[in-house]
Amino acid sequence: MNNKRYQDGLIKLQEIDGEAGQKVIDSLATISPDLAKYTIEFAFGDIYSRAGLDLKSRELATVAALTAMGSCLPQLNVHINGALNVGCTPQEVTEVIIQMAVYAGFPAALNAMQVAKEVFIERAIIKY
């Protein structure tokens, strides 16, 4: 795992998700190290490292997609943290989730907003 894609991916993963991203990779180590490797190489080494969108835009798009999917709340938690890590404001995150109410429905937006609230509380952005 010393190839350039892997190394670039690890750097990008750390930049975006920090410890939370590494926890996801570590959780895969015992059951599917290949999936961990593919996540690092493809998602972060190839896609997140592309020119054309800055990391804020990529993370907001990811928050929107995970909100719309409605079934990826643990991943949404990681990527809301990632969005904040790369400079998105809490208002930008909540606005993207509100926008998804139009396209993904209120249940998906409500669930995503609850995840955002949990992240904001953990990070002491808001009080509960």
Protein backbone atom coordinates (compact mmCIF):
# COMPACT_ATOMS: atom_id res chain seq x y z
CA MET A 1 0.00 0.00 0.00
CA ASN A 2 2.80 2.33 -0.84
CA ASN A 3 1.41 3.40 -4.21
CA LYS A 4 0.81 7.08 -4.99
CA ARG A 5 -2.99 6.79 -5.10
CA TYR A 6 -3.02 5.24 -1.65
CA GLN A 7 -0.63 7.80 -0.17
CA ASP A 8 -2.49 10.72 -1.79
CA GLY A 9 -5.76 9.26 -0.53
CA LEU A 10 -4.49 8.95 3.04
CA ILE A 11 -3.38 12.58 3.00
CA LYS A 12 -6.75 13.73 1.65
CA LEU A 13 -8.67 11.53 4.12
CA GLN A 14 -6.72 13.07 7.00
CA GLU A 15 -7.30 16.59 5.66
CA ILE A 16 -11.04 16.11 5.39
CA ASP A 17 -12.07 13.64 8.05
CA GLY A 18 -9.16 13.46 10.46
CA GLU A 19 -9.55 10.88 13.19
CA ALA A 20 -13.14 10.00 12.20
CA GLY A 21 -12.05 8.95 8.73
CA GLN A 22 -9.26 6.83 10.11
CA LYS A 23 -11.73 5.13 12.45
CA VAL A 24 -13.84 4.12 9.46
CA ILE A 25 -10.80 2.67 7.71
CA ASP A 26 -9.68 0.91 10.89
CA SER A 27 -13.15 -0.59 11.37
CA LEU A 28 -12.81 -2.25 7.96
CA ALA A 29 -9.35 -3.69 8.64
CA THR A 30 -10.54 -6.96 10.18
CA ILE A 31 -13.48 -7.64 7.87
CA SER A 32 -12.45 -6.14 4.53
CA PRO A 33 -9.05 -4.54 4.21
CA ASP A 34 -9.62 -4.42 0.45
CA LEU A 35 -12.66 -2.14 0.90
CA ALA A 36 -10.57 0.12 3.15
CA LYS A 37 -7.87 0.25 0.46
CA TYR A 38 -10.40 0.99 -2.30
CA THR A 39 -11.97 3.73 -0.20
CA ILE A 40 -8.62 5.40 0.33
CA GLU A 41 -7.39 4.96 -3.25
CA PHE A 42 -10.58 5.66 -5.20
CA ALA A 43 -12.71 7.96 -3.06
CA PHE A 44 -9.92 10.04 -1.59
CA GLY A 45 -6.91 9.41 -3.86
CA ASP A 46 -8.80 9.74 -7.14
CA ILE A 47 -12.09 11.62 -6.61
CA TYR A 48 -11.50 13.98 -3.70
CA SER A 49 -8.08 14.87 -5.13
CA ARG A 50 -9.43 15.99 -8.50
CA ALA A 51 -9.29 19.59 -9.67
CA GLY A 52 -12.56 21.30 -10.51
CA LEU A 53 -14.24 21.54 -7.11
CA ASP A 54 -12.80 22.68 -3.84
CA LEU A 55 -13.16 20.51 -0.76
CA LYS A 56 -15.99 22.65 0.64
CA SER A 57 -18.05 22.07 -2.51
CA ARG A 58 -17.25 18.35 -2.51
CA GLU A 59 -18.25 17.96 1.12
CA LEU A 60 -21.49 19.92 0.66
CA ALA A 61 -22.33 17.71 -2.32
CA THR A 62 -21.57 14.65 -0.20
CA VAL A 63 -23.78 15.91 2.65
CA ALA A 64 -26.56 16.49 0.13
CA ALA A 65 -26.20 13.02 -1.39
CA LEU A 66 -26.08 11.22 1.95
CA THR A 67 -29.08 13.23 3.15
CA ALA A 68 -31.01 12.28 0.02
CA MET A 69 -30.10 8.62 0.38
CA GLY A 70 -31.55 8.68 3.88
CA SER A 71 -29.94 5.42 4.95
CA CYS A 72 -26.35 6.48 5.58
CA LEU A 73 -26.55 8.37 8.86
CA PRO A 74 -23.16 7.20 10.23
CA GLN A 75 -21.48 8.31 7.01
CA LEU A 76 -23.44 11.56 7.11
CA ASN A 77 -22.03 12.21 10.59
CA VAL A 78 -18.48 11.73 9.29
CA HIS A 79 -19.08 14.02 6.31
CA ILE A 80 -20.80 16.79 8.27
CA ASN A 81 -17.68 16.80 10.43
CA GLY A 82 -15.61 16.74 7.24
CA ALA A 83 -17.53 19.70 5.83
CA LEU A 84 -16.82 21.69 8.97
CA ASN A 85 -13.17 20.58 8.90
CA VAL A 86 -12.67 22.00 5.40
CA GLY A 87 -14.30 25.34 6.17
CA CYS A 88 -18.02 24.96 5.66
CA THR A 89 -20.12 26.86 8.14
CA PRO A 90 -22.89 25.25 10.18
CA GLN A 91 -25.35 27.43 8.25
CA GLU A 92 -24.09 26.07 4.91
CA VAL A 93 -24.52 22.51 6.18
CA THR A 94 -28.05 23.13 7.45
CA GLU A 95 -29.03 24.97 4.26
CA VAL A 96 -27.93 22.01 2.13
CA ILE A 97 -30.02 19.71 4.33
CA ILE A 98 -33.04 22.01 4.06
CA GLN A 99 -32.59 22.07 0.26
CA MET A 100 -32.77 18.27 0.27
CA ALA A 101 -36.25 18.42 1.83
CA VAL A 102 -37.47 19.50 -1.61
CA TYR A 103 -35.80 16.64 -3.48
CA ALA A 104 -35.49 13.83 -0.94
CA GLY A 105 -38.46 14.55 1.31
CA PHE A 106 -38.95 15.82 4.81
CA PRO A 107 -38.14 12.54 6.60
CA ALA A 108 -34.69 12.43 5.02
CA ALA A 109 -34.07 16.10 5.82
CA LEU A 110 -35.34 15.73 9.39
CA ASN A 111 -33.09 12.73 10.02
CA ALA A 112 -30.10 14.52 8.51
CA MET A 113 -30.78 17.64 10.56
CA GLN A 114 -30.75 15.51 13.70
CA VAL A 115 -27.32 14.18 12.72
CA ALA A 116 -26.15 17.75 12.11
CA LYS A 117 -27.45 18.76 15.52
CA GLU A 118 -25.53 15.91 17.15
CA VAL A 119 -22.33 16.94 15.34
CA PHE A 120 -22.83 20.59 16.30
CA ILE A 121 -23.36 19.63 19.95
CA GLU A 122 -20.26 17.39 19.93
CA ARG A 123 -18.22 20.24 18.51
CA ALA A 124 -19.74 22.76 20.95
CA ILE A 125 -21.19 24.80 18.09
CA ILE A 126 -24.61 24.71 19.73
CA LYS A 127 -25.94 23.60 23.08
CA TYR A 128 -28.67 21.02 23.31
